[in-house]
Amino acid sequence: MKIKKGDKVKILAGKDSGKTGKVLQIFPKEGRVSVEGLNILIKHLRPQKQGEKGQRIEFPGLINISNVALICPKCGKNTRVSYKIGEKGSDSSAKKFRVCKKCGETID
């Protein structure tokens, strides 16, 4: 998965296209992400007790991961992601880094 929780992304398609936000949740099996403040859905709840009022709950809906693009924290442009395998550390295992395709800087 090239997008992780906490990344800043730009919406490419849909009613909120062109807007940016932070990733709240990722659902890798479904291929969807939830972005803070975007794709807001409204759920209406009936009153549970006598004399109580109904409610409208607003929450961010899921967006297909193909409709979001990662924004590089270094250059500030929306970019594709490549991977680079770093040198072996003290635990004798190579670490995998995400790399911005536009500026070449590591994202992680």
PDB file of N, CA and C in Angstrom:
ATOM      1  N   MET A   1       0.848  -1.171   0.000  1.00  0.00           N
ATOM      2  CA  MET A   1       0.000   0.000   0.000  1.00  0.00           C
ATOM      3  C   MET A   1       0.895   1.236   0.000  1.00  0.00           C
ATOM      4  N   LYS A   2       0.688   2.113  -0.975  1.00  0.00           N
ATOM      5  CA  LYS A   2       1.568   3.260  -1.148  1.00  0.00           C
ATOM      6  C   LYS A   2       1.136   4.463  -0.330  1.00  0.00           C
ATOM      7  N   ILE A   3      -0.085   4.431   0.203  1.00  0.00           N
ATOM      8  CA  ILE A   3      -0.578   5.514   1.047  1.00  0.00           C
ATOM      9  C   ILE A   3      -0.782   4.960   2.444  1.00  0.00           C
ATOM     10  N   LYS A   4      -0.345   5.728   3.447  1.00  0.00           N
ATOM     11  CA  LYS A   4      -0.432   5.281   4.832  1.00  0.00           C
ATOM     12  C   LYS A   4      -1.260   6.262   5.656  1.00  0.00           C
ATOM     13  N   LYS A   5      -1.634   5.830   6.840  1.00  0.00           N
ATOM     14  CA  LYS A   5      -2.390   6.666   7.761  1.00  0.00           C
ATOM     15  C   LYS A   5      -1.548   7.882   8.142  1.00  0.00           C
ATOM     16  N   GLY A   6      -2.160   9.069   8.118  1.00  0.00           N
ATOM     17  CA  GLY A   6      -1.451  10.299   8.456  1.00  0.00           C
ATOM     18  C   GLY A   6      -0.870  11.029   7.259  1.00  0.00           C
ATOM     19  N   ASP A   7      -0.865  10.419   6.084  1.00  0.00           N
ATOM     20  CA  ASP A   7      -0.363  11.076   4.876  1.00  0.00           C
ATOM     21  C   ASP A   7      -1.327  12.168   4.432  1.00  0.00           C
ATOM     22  N   LYS A   8      -0.792  13.189   3.780  1.00  0.00           N
ATOM     23  CA  LYS A   8      -1.607  14.240   3.186  1.00  0.00           C
ATOM     24  C   LYS A   8      -1.863  13.837   1.741  1.00  0.00           C
ATOM     25  N   VAL A   9      -3.143  13.831   1.337  1.00  0.00           N
ATOM     26  CA  VAL A   9      -3.502  13.398  -0.012  1.00  0.00           C
ATOM     27  C   VAL A   9      -4.386  14.438  -0.689  1.00  0.00           C
ATOM     28  N   LYS A  10      -4.429  14.370  -2.018  1.00  0.00           N
ATOM     29  CA  LYS A  10      -5.290  15.234  -2.831  1.00  0.00           C
ATOM     30  C   LYS A  10      -6.319  14.346  -3.514  1.00  0.00           C
ATOM     31  N   ILE A  11      -7.577  14.775  -3.511  1.00  0.00           N
ATOM     32  CA  ILE A  11      -8.654  14.030  -4.144  1.00  0.00           C
ATOM     33  C   ILE A  11      -8.628  14.318  -5.644  1.00  0.00           C
ATOM     34  N   LEU A  12      -8.604  13.276  -6.465  1.00  0.00           N
ATOM     35  CA  LEU A  12      -8.512  13.438  -7.912  1.00  0.00           C
ATOM     36  C   LEU A  12      -9.869  13.379  -8.608  1.00  0.00           C
ATOM     37  N   ALA A  13     -10.839  12.669  -8.029  1.00  0.00           N
ATOM     38  CA  ALA A  13     -12.137  12.502  -8.681  1.00  0.00           C
ATOM     39  C   ALA A  13     -13.245  12.519  -7.638  1.00  0.00           C
ATOM     40  N   GLY A  14     -14.437  12.899  -8.069  1.00  0.00           N
ATOM     41  CA  GLY A  14     -15.590  12.907  -7.179  1.00  0.00           C
ATOM     42  C   GLY A  14     -16.022  14.312  -6.825  1.00  0.00           C
ATOM     43  N   LYS A  15     -16.943  14.412  -5.867  1.00  0.00           N
ATOM     44  CA  LYS A  15     -17.515  15.714  -5.527  1.00  0.00           C
ATOM     45  C   LYS A  15     -16.514  16.638  -4.828  1.00  0.00           C
ATOM     46  N   ASP A  16     -15.473  16.091  -4.225  1.00  0.00           N
ATOM     47  CA  ASP A  16     -14.464  16.890  -3.530  1.00  0.00           C
ATOM     48  C   ASP A  16     -13.141  16.950  -4.292  1.00  0.00           C
ATOM     49  N   SER A  17     -13.172  16.788  -5.607  1.00  0.00           N
ATOM     50  CA  SER A  17     -11.932  16.757  -6.378  1.00  0.00           C
ATOM     51  C   SER A  17     -11.182  18.079  -6.264  1.00  0.00           C
ATOM     52  N   GLY A  18      -9.858  17.989  -6.113  1.00  0.00           N
ATOM     53  CA  GLY A  18      -9.017  19.159  -5.975  1.00  0.00           C
ATOM     54  C   GLY A  18      -8.733  19.544  -4.538  1.00  0.00           C
ATOM     55  N   LYS A  19      -9.472  18.993  -3.588  1.00  0.00           N
ATOM     56  CA  LYS A  19      -9.269  19.319  -2.180  1.00  0.00           C
ATOM     57  C   LYS A  19      -8.232  18.387  -1.561  1.00  0.00           C
ATOM     58  N   THR A  20      -7.620  18.846  -0.477  1.00  0.00           N
ATOM     59  CA  THR A  20      -6.607  18.040   0.195  1.00  0.00           C
ATOM     60  C   THR A  20      -7.029  17.762   1.635  1.00  0.00           C
ATOM     61  N   GLY A  21      -6.509  16.675   2.179  1.00  0.00           N
ATOM     62  CA  GLY A  21      -6.812  16.316   3.558  1.00  0.00           C
ATOM     63  C   GLY A  21      -5.878  15.221   4.047  1.00  0.00           C
ATOM     64  N   LYS A  22      -6.019  14.908   5.336  1.00  0.00           N
ATOM     65  CA  LYS A  22      -5.170  13.910   5.975  1.00  0.00           C
ATOM     66  C   LYS A  22      -5.908  12.573   6.039  1.00  0.00           C
ATOM     67  N   VAL A  23      -5.190  11.465   5.784  1.00  0.00           N
ATOM     68  CA  VAL A  23      -5.786  10.136   5.799  1.00  0.00           C
ATOM     69  C   VAL A  23      -6.045   9.723   7.252  1.00  0.00           C
ATOM     70  N   LEU A  24      -7.304   9.353   7.540  1.00  0.00           N
ATOM     71  CA  LEU A  24      -7.683   8.913   8.875  1.00  0.00           C
ATOM     72  C   LEU A  24      -7.575   7.400   9.020  1.00  0.00           C
ATOM     73  N   GLN A  25      -8.110   6.673   8.039  1.00  0.00           N
ATOM     74  CA  GLN A  25      -8.114   5.221   8.074  1.00  0.00           C
ATOM     75  C   GLN A  25      -7.829   4.673   6.687  1.00  0.00           C
ATOM     76  N   ILE A  26      -7.284   3.444   6.665  1.00  0.00           N
ATOM     77  CA  ILE A  26      -7.044   2.745   5.406  1.00  0.00           C
ATOM     78  C   ILE A  26      -7.662   1.362   5.508  1.00  0.00           C
ATOM     79  N   PHE A  27      -8.332   0.946   4.447  1.00  0.00           N
ATOM     80  CA  PHE A  27      -8.908  -0.382   4.367  1.00  0.00           C
ATOM     81  C   PHE A  27      -8.273  -1.091   3.171  1.00  0.00           C
ATOM     82  N   PRO A  28      -7.128  -1.784   3.382  1.00  0.00           N
ATOM     83  CA  PRO A  28      -6.377  -2.341   2.254  1.00  0.00           C
ATOM     84  C   PRO A  28      -7.107  -3.450   1.491  1.00  0.00           C
ATOM     85  N   LYS A  29      -7.916  -4.246   2.164  1.00  0.00           N
ATOM     86  CA  LYS A  29      -8.638  -5.318   1.468  1.00  0.00           C
ATOM     87  C   LYS A  29      -9.697  -4.760   0.541  1.00  0.00           C
ATOM     88  N   GLU A  30     -10.312  -3.643   0.935  1.00  0.00           N
ATOM     89  CA  GLU A  30     -11.327  -3.002   0.103  1.00  0.00           C
ATOM     90  C   GLU A  30     -10.714  -2.028  -0.897  1.00  0.00           C
ATOM     91  N   GLY A  31      -9.469  -1.579  -0.637  1.00  0.00           N
ATOM     92  CA  GLY A  31      -8.825  -0.601  -1.504  1.00  0.00           C
ATOM     93  C   GLY A  31      -9.409   0.784  -1.346  1.00  0.00           C
ATOM     94  N   ARG A  32      -9.757   1.154  -0.111  1.00  0.00           N
ATOM     95  CA  ARG A  32     -10.387   2.442   0.140  1.00  0.00           C
ATOM     96  C   ARG A  32      -9.710   3.157   1.304  1.00  0.00           C
ATOM     97  N   VAL A  33      -9.849   4.486   1.317  1.00  0.00           N
ATOM     98  CA  VAL A  33      -9.300   5.301   2.397  1.00  0.00           C
ATOM     99  C   VAL A  33     -10.368   6.271   2.887  1.00  0.00           C
ATOM    100  N   SER A  34     -10.205   6.715   4.129  1.00  0.00           N
ATOM    101  CA  SER A  34     -11.059   7.728   4.708  1.00  0.00           C
ATOM    102  C   SER A  34     -10.210   8.974   4.930  1.00  0.00           C
ATOM    103  N   VAL A  35     -10.655  10.121   4.387  1.00  0.00           N
ATOM    104  CA  VAL A  35      -9.887  11.359   4.452  1.00  0.00           C
ATOM    105  C   VAL A  35     -10.620  12.362   5.336  1.00  0.00           C
ATOM    106  N   GLU A  36      -9.866  13.013   6.217  1.00  0.00           N
ATOM    107  CA  GLU A  36     -10.428  13.950   7.193  1.00  0.00           C
ATOM    108  C   GLU A  36     -11.091  15.147   6.511  1.00  0.00           C
ATOM    109  N   GLY A  37     -12.369  15.349   6.813  1.00  0.00           N
ATOM    110  CA  GLY A  37     -13.096  16.522   6.329  1.00  0.00           C
ATOM    111  C   GLY A  37     -13.562  16.454   4.886  1.00  0.00           C
ATOM    112  N   LEU A  38     -13.350  15.354   4.205  1.00  0.00           N
ATOM    113  CA  LEU A  38     -13.756  15.239   2.796  1.00  0.00           C
ATOM    114  C   LEU A  38     -14.696  14.048   2.610  1.00  0.00           C
ATOM    115  N   ASN A  39     -15.518  14.117   1.569  1.00  0.00           N
ATOM    116  CA  ASN A  39     -16.529  13.101   1.268  1.00  0.00           C
ATOM    117  C   ASN A  39     -17.435  12.899   2.482  1.00  0.00           C
ATOM    118  N   ILE A  40     -17.945  13.999   3.017  1.00  0.00           N
ATOM    119  CA  ILE A  40     -18.781  13.963   4.212  1.00  0.00           C
ATOM    120  C   ILE A  40     -20.148  13.383   3.860  1.00  0.00           C
ATOM    121  N   LEU A  41     -20.552  12.362   4.610  1.00  0.00           N
ATOM    122  CA  LEU A  41     -21.865  11.743   4.458  1.00  0.00           C
ATOM    123  C   LEU A  41     -22.694  12.070   5.694  1.00  0.00           C
ATOM    124  N   ILE A  42     -24.019  12.074   5.527  1.00  0.00           N
ATOM    125  CA  ILE A  42     -24.917  12.393   6.626  1.00  0.00           C
ATOM    126  C   ILE A  42     -25.810  11.187   6.883  1.00  0.00           C
ATOM    127  N   LYS A  43     -25.876  10.796   8.148  1.00  0.00           N
ATOM    128  CA  LYS A  43     -26.732   9.694   8.558  1.00  0.00           C
ATOM    129  C   LYS A  43     -27.791  10.257   9.497  1.00  0.00           C
ATOM    130  N   HIS A  44     -29.057   9.948   9.235  1.00  0.00           N
ATOM    131  CA  HIS A  44     -30.159  10.422  10.059  1.00  0.00           C
ATOM    132  C   HIS A  44     -30.520   9.347  11.076  1.00  0.00           C
ATOM    133  N   LEU A  45     -30.611   9.737  12.342  1.00  0.00           N
ATOM    134  CA  LEU A  45     -30.992   8.810  13.401  1.00  0.00           C
ATOM    135  C   LEU A  45     -32.358   9.191  13.942  1.00  0.00           C
ATOM    136  N   ARG A  46     -33.180   8.188  14.137  1.00  0.00           N
ATOM    137  CA  ARG A  46     -34.487   8.421  14.729  1.00  0.00           C
ATOM    138  C   ARG A  46     -34.347   8.633  16.228  1.00  0.00           C
ATOM    139  N   PRO A  47     -35.319   9.301  16.840  1.00  0.00           N
ATOM    140  CA  PRO A  47     -35.264   9.439  18.298  1.00  0.00           C
ATOM    141  C   PRO A  47     -35.447   8.078  18.969  1.00  0.00           C
ATOM    142  N   GLN A  48     -34.676   7.830  20.024  1.00  0.00           N
ATOM    143  CA  GLN A  48     -34.736   6.552  20.716  1.00  0.00           C
ATOM    144  C   GLN A  48     -35.790   6.550  21.821  1.00  0.00           C
ATOM    145  N   LYS A  49     -36.012   7.687  22.461  1.00  0.00           N
ATOM    146  CA  LYS A  49     -36.970   7.777  23.572  1.00  0.00           C
ATOM    147  C   LYS A  49     -38.057   8.790  23.241  1.00  0.00           C
ATOM    148  N   GLN A  50     -39.143   8.708  23.972  1.00  0.00           N
ATOM    149  CA  GLN A  50     -40.247   9.648  23.800  1.00  0.00           C
ATOM    150  C   GLN A  50     -39.787  11.051  24.175  1.00  0.00           C
ATOM    151  N   GLY A  51     -40.072  12.030  23.353  1.00  0.00           N
ATOM    152  CA  GLY A  51     -39.715  13.414  23.633  1.00  0.00           C
ATOM    153  C   GLY A  51     -38.307  13.790  23.189  1.00  0.00           C
ATOM    154  N   GLU A  52     -37.533  12.844  22.755  1.00  0.00           N
ATOM    155  CA  GLU A  52     -36.164  13.117  22.287  1.00  0.00           C
ATOM    156  C   GLU A  52     -36.210  13.496  20.810  1.00  0.00           C
ATOM    157  N   LYS A  53     -35.262  14.312  20.374  1.00  0.00           N
ATOM    158  CA  LYS A  53     -35.217  14.725  18.976  1.00  0.00           C
ATOM    159  C   LYS A  53     -34.331  13.784  18.168  1.00  0.00           C
ATOM    160  N   GLY A  54     -34.588  13.719  16.880  1.00  0.00           N
ATOM    161  CA  GLY A  54     -33.729  12.952  15.983  1.00  0.00           C
ATOM    162  C   GLY A  54     -32.425  13.695  15.756  1.00  0.00           C
ATOM    163  N   GLN A  55     -31.446  13.011  15.167  1.00  0.00           N
ATOM    164  CA  GLN A  55     -30.138  13.619  14.959  1.00  0.00           C
ATOM    165  C   GLN A  55     -29.666  13.403  13.527  1.00  0.00           C
ATOM    166  N   ARG A  56     -28.767  14.285  13.121  1.00  0.00           N
ATOM    167  CA  ARG A  56     -28.030  14.112  11.869  1.00  0.00           C
ATOM    168  C   ARG A  56     -26.571  13.955  12.225  1.00  0.00           C
ATOM    169  N   ILE A  57     -25.973  12.826  11.870  1.00  0.00           N
ATOM    170  CA  ILE A  57     -24.569  12.578  12.162  1.00  0.00           C
ATOM    171  C   ILE A  57     -23.788  12.705  10.864  1.00  0.00           C
ATOM    172  N   GLU A  58     -22.752  13.539  10.883  1.00  0.00           N
ATOM    173  CA  GLU A  58     -21.885  13.710   9.721  1.00  0.00           C
ATOM    174  C   GLU A  58     -20.591  12.953   9.969  1.00  0.00           C
ATOM    175  N   PHE A  59     -20.148  12.188   8.947  1.00  0.00           N
ATOM    176  CA  PHE A  59     -18.907  11.424   9.073  1.00  0.00           C
ATOM    177  C   PHE A  59     -18.258  11.311   7.699  1.00  0.00           C
ATOM    178  N   PRO A  60     -16.916  11.183   7.659  1.00  0.00           N
ATOM    179  CA  PRO A  60     -16.237  11.053   6.362  1.00  0.00           C
ATOM    180  C   PRO A  60     -16.463   9.666   5.768  1.00  0.00           C
ATOM    181  N   GLY A  61     -16.886   9.628   4.512  1.00  0.00           N
ATOM    182  CA  GLY A  61     -17.099   8.365   3.812  1.00  0.00           C
ATOM    183  C   GLY A  61     -15.802   7.847   3.232  1.00  0.00           C
ATOM    184  N   LEU A  62     -15.860   6.656   2.660  1.00  0.00           N
ATOM    185  CA  LEU A  62     -14.683   6.031   2.075  1.00  0.00           C
ATOM    186  C   LEU A  62     -14.516   6.464   0.623  1.00  0.00           C
ATOM    187  N   ILE A  63     -13.254   6.596   0.212  1.00  0.00           N
ATOM    188  CA  ILE A  63     -12.905   6.986  -1.153  1.00  0.00           C
ATOM    189  C   ILE A  63     -12.011   5.892  -1.723  1.00  0.00           C
ATOM    190  N   ASN A  64     -12.227   5.544  -2.976  1.00  0.00           N
ATOM    191  CA  ASN A  64     -11.373   4.554  -3.614  1.00  0.00           C
ATOM    192  C   ASN A  64      -9.939   5.078  -3.669  1.00  0.00           C
ATOM    193  N   ILE A  65      -8.993   4.192  -3.386  1.00  0.00           N
ATOM    194  CA  ILE A  65      -7.590   4.618  -3.274  1.00  0.00           C
ATOM    195  C   ILE A  65      -7.030   5.099  -4.619  1.00  0.00           C
ATOM    196  N   SER A  66      -7.663   4.691  -5.721  1.00  0.00           N
ATOM    197  CA  SER A  66      -7.203   5.162  -7.028  1.00  0.00           C
ATOM    198  C   SER A  66      -7.604   6.610  -7.287  1.00  0.00           C
ATOM    199  N   ASN A  67      -8.499   7.144  -6.477  1.00  0.00           N
ATOM    200  CA  ASN A  67      -8.962   8.520  -6.644  1.00  0.00           C
ATOM    201  C   ASN A  67      -8.255   9.517  -5.734  1.00  0.00           C
ATOM    202  N   VAL A  68      -7.193   9.084  -5.056  1.00  0.00           N
ATOM    203  CA  VAL A  68      -6.400   9.990  -4.234  1.00  0.00           C
ATOM    204  C   VAL A  68      -4.937   9.904  -4.659  1.00  0.00           C
ATOM    205  N   ALA A  69      -4.224  11.018  -4.518  1.00  0.00           N
ATOM    206  CA  ALA A  69      -2.789  11.066  -4.838  1.00  0.00           C
ATOM    207  C   ALA A  69      -2.048  11.605  -3.627  1.00  0.00           C
ATOM    208  N   LEU A  70      -0.926  11.000  -3.317  1.00  0.00           N
ATOM    209  CA  LEU A  70      -0.099  11.415  -2.189  1.00  0.00           C
ATOM    210  C   LEU A  70       0.544  12.765  -2.484  1.00  0.00           C
ATOM    211  N   ILE A  71       0.583  13.643  -1.482  1.00  0.00           N
ATOM    212  CA  ILE A  71       1.271  14.927  -1.605  1.00  0.00           C
ATOM    213  C   ILE A  71       2.602  14.785  -0.888  1.00  0.00           C
ATOM    214  N   CYS A  72       3.686  15.050  -1.609  1.00  0.00           N
ATOM    215  CA  CYS A  72       5.029  14.922  -1.052  1.00  0.00           C
ATOM    216  C   CYS A  72       5.239  15.998   0.014  1.00  0.00           C
ATOM    217  N   PRO A  73       5.690  15.606   1.223  1.00  0.00           N
ATOM    218  CA  PRO A  73       5.915  16.618   2.256  1.00  0.00           C
ATOM    219  C   PRO A  73       7.096  17.545   1.954  1.00  0.00           C
ATOM    220  N   LYS A  74       8.021  17.132   1.088  1.00  0.00           N
ATOM    221  CA  LYS A  74       9.203  17.946   0.780  1.00  0.00           C
ATOM    222  C   LYS A  74       8.905  18.998  -0.295  1.00  0.00           C
ATOM    223  N   CYS A  75       8.355  18.535  -1.450  1.00  0.00           N
ATOM    224  CA  CYS A  75       8.149  19.473  -2.566  1.00  0.00           C
ATOM    225  C   CYS A  75       6.722  20.012  -2.630  1.00  0.00           C
ATOM    226  N   GLY A  76       5.762  19.391  -1.934  1.00  0.00           N
ATOM    227  CA  GLY A  76       4.393  19.887  -1.882  1.00  0.00           C
ATOM    228  C   GLY A  76       3.559  19.601  -3.111  1.00  0.00           C
ATOM    229  N   LYS A  77       4.028  18.726  -4.006  1.00  0.00           N
ATOM    230  CA  LYS A  77       3.286  18.379  -5.218  1.00  0.00           C
ATOM    231  C   LYS A  77       2.675  16.991  -5.058  1.00  0.00           C
ATOM    232  N   ASN A  78       1.534  16.777  -5.769  1.00  0.00           N
ATOM    233  CA  ASN A  78       0.998  15.424  -5.730  1.00  0.00           C
ATOM    234  C   ASN A  78       1.860  14.538  -6.625  1.00  0.00           C
ATOM    235  N   THR A  79       2.160  13.339  -6.152  1.00  0.00           N
ATOM    236  CA  THR A  79       3.175  12.528  -6.788  1.00  0.00           C
ATOM    237  C   THR A  79       2.824  11.057  -6.749  1.00  0.00           C
ATOM    238  N   ARG A  80       3.502  10.313  -7.580  1.00  0.00           N
ATOM    239  CA  ARG A  80       3.460   8.855  -7.501  1.00  0.00           C
ATOM    240  C   ARG A  80       4.545   8.419  -6.531  1.00  0.00           C
ATOM    241  N   VAL A  81       4.494   7.164  -6.132  1.00  0.00           N
ATOM    242  CA  VAL A  81       5.424   6.663  -5.130  1.00  0.00           C
ATOM    243  C   VAL A  81       6.224   5.500  -5.706  1.00  0.00           C
ATOM    244  N   SER A  82       7.534   5.546  -5.491  1.00  0.00           N
ATOM    245  CA  SER A  82       8.380   4.391  -5.804  1.00  0.00           C
ATOM    246  C   SER A  82       9.020   3.941  -4.502  1.00  0.00           C
ATOM    247  N   TYR A  83       9.714   2.829  -4.553  1.00  0.00           N
ATOM    248  CA  TYR A  83      10.341   2.290  -3.354  1.00  0.00           C
ATOM    249  C   TYR A  83      11.835   2.170  -3.546  1.00  0.00           C
ATOM    250  N   LYS A  84      12.561   2.350  -2.440  1.00  0.00           N
ATOM    251  CA  LYS A  84      14.004   2.184  -2.440  1.00  0.00           C
ATOM    252  C   LYS A  84      14.351   1.332  -1.225  1.00  0.00           C
ATOM    253  N   ILE A  85      15.242   0.382  -1.412  1.00  0.00           N
ATOM    254  CA  ILE A  85      15.658  -0.458  -0.308  1.00  0.00           C
ATOM    255  C   ILE A  85      16.966   0.074   0.225  1.00  0.00           C
ATOM    256  N   GLY A  86      16.962   0.417   1.520  1.00  0.00           N
ATOM    257  CA  GLY A  86      18.127   1.028   2.149  1.00  0.00           C
ATOM    258  C   GLY A  86      19.159   0.006   2.573  1.00  0.00           C
ATOM    259  N   GLU A  87      20.215   0.508   3.191  1.00  0.00           N
ATOM    260  CA  GLU A  87      21.300  -0.347   3.642  1.00  0.00           C
ATOM    261  C   GLU A  87      20.853  -1.158   4.843  1.00  0.00           C
ATOM    262  N   LYS A  88      21.588  -2.231   5.088  1.00  0.00           N
ATOM    263  CA  LYS A  88      21.252  -3.078   6.222  1.00  0.00           C
ATOM    264  C   LYS A  88      21.581  -2.354   7.519  1.00  0.00           C
ATOM    265  N   GLY A  89      20.657  -2.434   8.453  1.00  0.00           N
ATOM    266  CA  GLY A  89      20.858  -1.786   9.746  1.00  0.00           C
ATOM    267  C   GLY A  89      21.508  -2.734  10.731  1.00  0.00           C
ATOM    268  N   SER A  90      21.395  -2.417  11.992  1.00  0.00           N
ATOM    269  CA  SER A  90      22.001  -3.243  13.027  1.00  0.00           C
ATOM    270  C   SER A  90      21.284  -4.579  13.178  1.00  0.00           C
ATOM    271  N   ASP A  91      20.010  -4.643  12.759  1.00  0.00           N
ATOM    272  CA  ASP A  91      19.272  -5.896  12.879  1.00  0.00           C
ATOM    273  C   ASP A  91      19.422  -6.773  11.633  1.00  0.00           C
ATOM    274  N   SER A  92      20.370  -6.459  10.788  1.00  0.00           N
ATOM    275  CA  SER A  92      20.731  -7.210   9.576  1.00  0.00           C
ATOM    276  C   SER A  92      19.553  -7.443   8.633  1.00  0.00           C
ATOM    277  N   SER A  93      18.670  -6.450   8.524  1.00  0.00           N
ATOM    278  CA  SER A  93      17.588  -6.522   7.554  1.00  0.00           C
ATOM    279  C   SER A  93      17.500  -5.188   6.817  1.00  0.00           C
ATOM    280  N   ALA A  94      17.286  -5.257   5.519  1.00  0.00           N
ATOM    281  CA  ALA A  94      17.187  -4.038   4.716  1.00  0.00           C
ATOM    282  C   ALA A  94      15.832  -3.380   4.949  1.00  0.00           C
ATOM    283  N   LYS A  95      15.812  -2.061   4.983  1.00  0.00           N
ATOM    284  CA  LYS A  95      14.575  -1.317   5.203  1.00  0.00           C
ATOM    285  C   LYS A  95      14.080  -0.759   3.876  1.00  0.00           C
ATOM    286  N   LYS A  96      12.760  -0.750   3.697  1.00  0.00           N
ATOM    287  CA  LYS A  96      12.132  -0.284   2.471  1.00  0.00           C
ATOM    288  C   LYS A  96      11.587   1.123   2.700  1.00  0.00           C
ATOM    289  N   PHE A  97      11.946   2.068   1.822  1.00  0.00           N
ATOM    290  CA  PHE A  97      11.529   3.464   1.944  1.00  0.00           C
ATOM    291  C   PHE A  97      10.653   3.852   0.771  1.00  0.00           C
ATOM    292  N   ARG A  98       9.674   4.739   1.039  1.00  0.00           N
ATOM    293  CA  ARG A  98       8.890   5.328  -0.051  1.00  0.00           C
ATOM    294  C   ARG A  98       9.645   6.537  -0.569  1.00  0.00           C
ATOM    295  N   VAL A  99       9.641   6.725  -1.899  1.00  0.00           N
ATOM    296  CA  VAL A  99      10.387   7.812  -2.536  1.00  0.00           C
ATOM    297  C   VAL A  99       9.446   8.581  -3.459  1.00  0.00           C
ATOM    298  N   CYS A 100       9.532   9.909  -3.406  1.00  0.00           N
ATOM    299  CA  CYS A 100       8.761  10.784  -4.290  1.00  0.00           C
ATOM    300  C   CYS A 100       9.322  10.687  -5.705  1.00  0.00           C
ATOM    301  N   LYS A 101       8.440  10.504  -6.691  1.00  0.00           N
ATOM    302  CA  LYS A 101       8.883  10.393  -8.082  1.00  0.00           C
ATOM    303  C   LYS A 101       9.283  11.744  -8.666  1.00  0.00           C
ATOM    304  N   LYS A 102       8.816  12.851  -8.097  1.00  0.00           N
ATOM    305  CA  LYS A 102       9.118  14.171  -8.665  1.00  0.00           C
ATOM    306  C   LYS A 102      10.422  14.751  -8.147  1.00  0.00           C
ATOM    307  N   CYS A 103      10.626  14.698  -6.817  1.00  0.00           N
ATOM    308  CA  CYS A 103      11.837  15.321  -6.267  1.00  0.00           C
ATOM    309  C   CYS A 103      12.897  14.301  -5.836  1.00  0.00           C
ATOM    310  N   GLY A 104      12.531  13.010  -5.725  1.00  0.00           N
ATOM    311  CA  GLY A 104      13.498  11.974  -5.380  1.00  0.00           C
ATOM    312  C   GLY A 104      13.795  11.840  -3.901  1.00  0.00           C
ATOM    313  N   GLU A 105      13.095  12.598  -3.051  1.00  0.00           N
ATOM    314  CA  GLU A 105      13.317  12.544  -1.603  1.00  0.00           C
ATOM    315  C   GLU A 105      12.538  11.381  -0.988  1.00  0.00           C
ATOM    316  N   THR A 106      13.058  10.847   0.117  1.00  0.00           N
ATOM    317  CA  THR A 106      12.345   9.783   0.816  1.00  0.00           C
ATOM    318  C   THR A 106      11.191  10.395   1.606  1.00  0.00           C
ATOM    319  N   ILE A 107      10.077   9.684   1.643  1.00  0.00           N
ATOM    320  CA  ILE A 107       8.876  10.176   2.319  1.00  0.00           C
ATOM    321  C   ILE A 107       8.856   9.710   3.775  1.00  0.00           C
ATOM    322  N   ASP A 108       9.274   8.500   4.040  1.00  0.00           N
ATOM    323  CA  ASP A 108       9.264   7.963   5.418  1.00  0.00           C
ATOM    324  C   ASP A 108      10.479   8.372   6.173  1.00  0.00           C
TER     325      ASP A 108
END
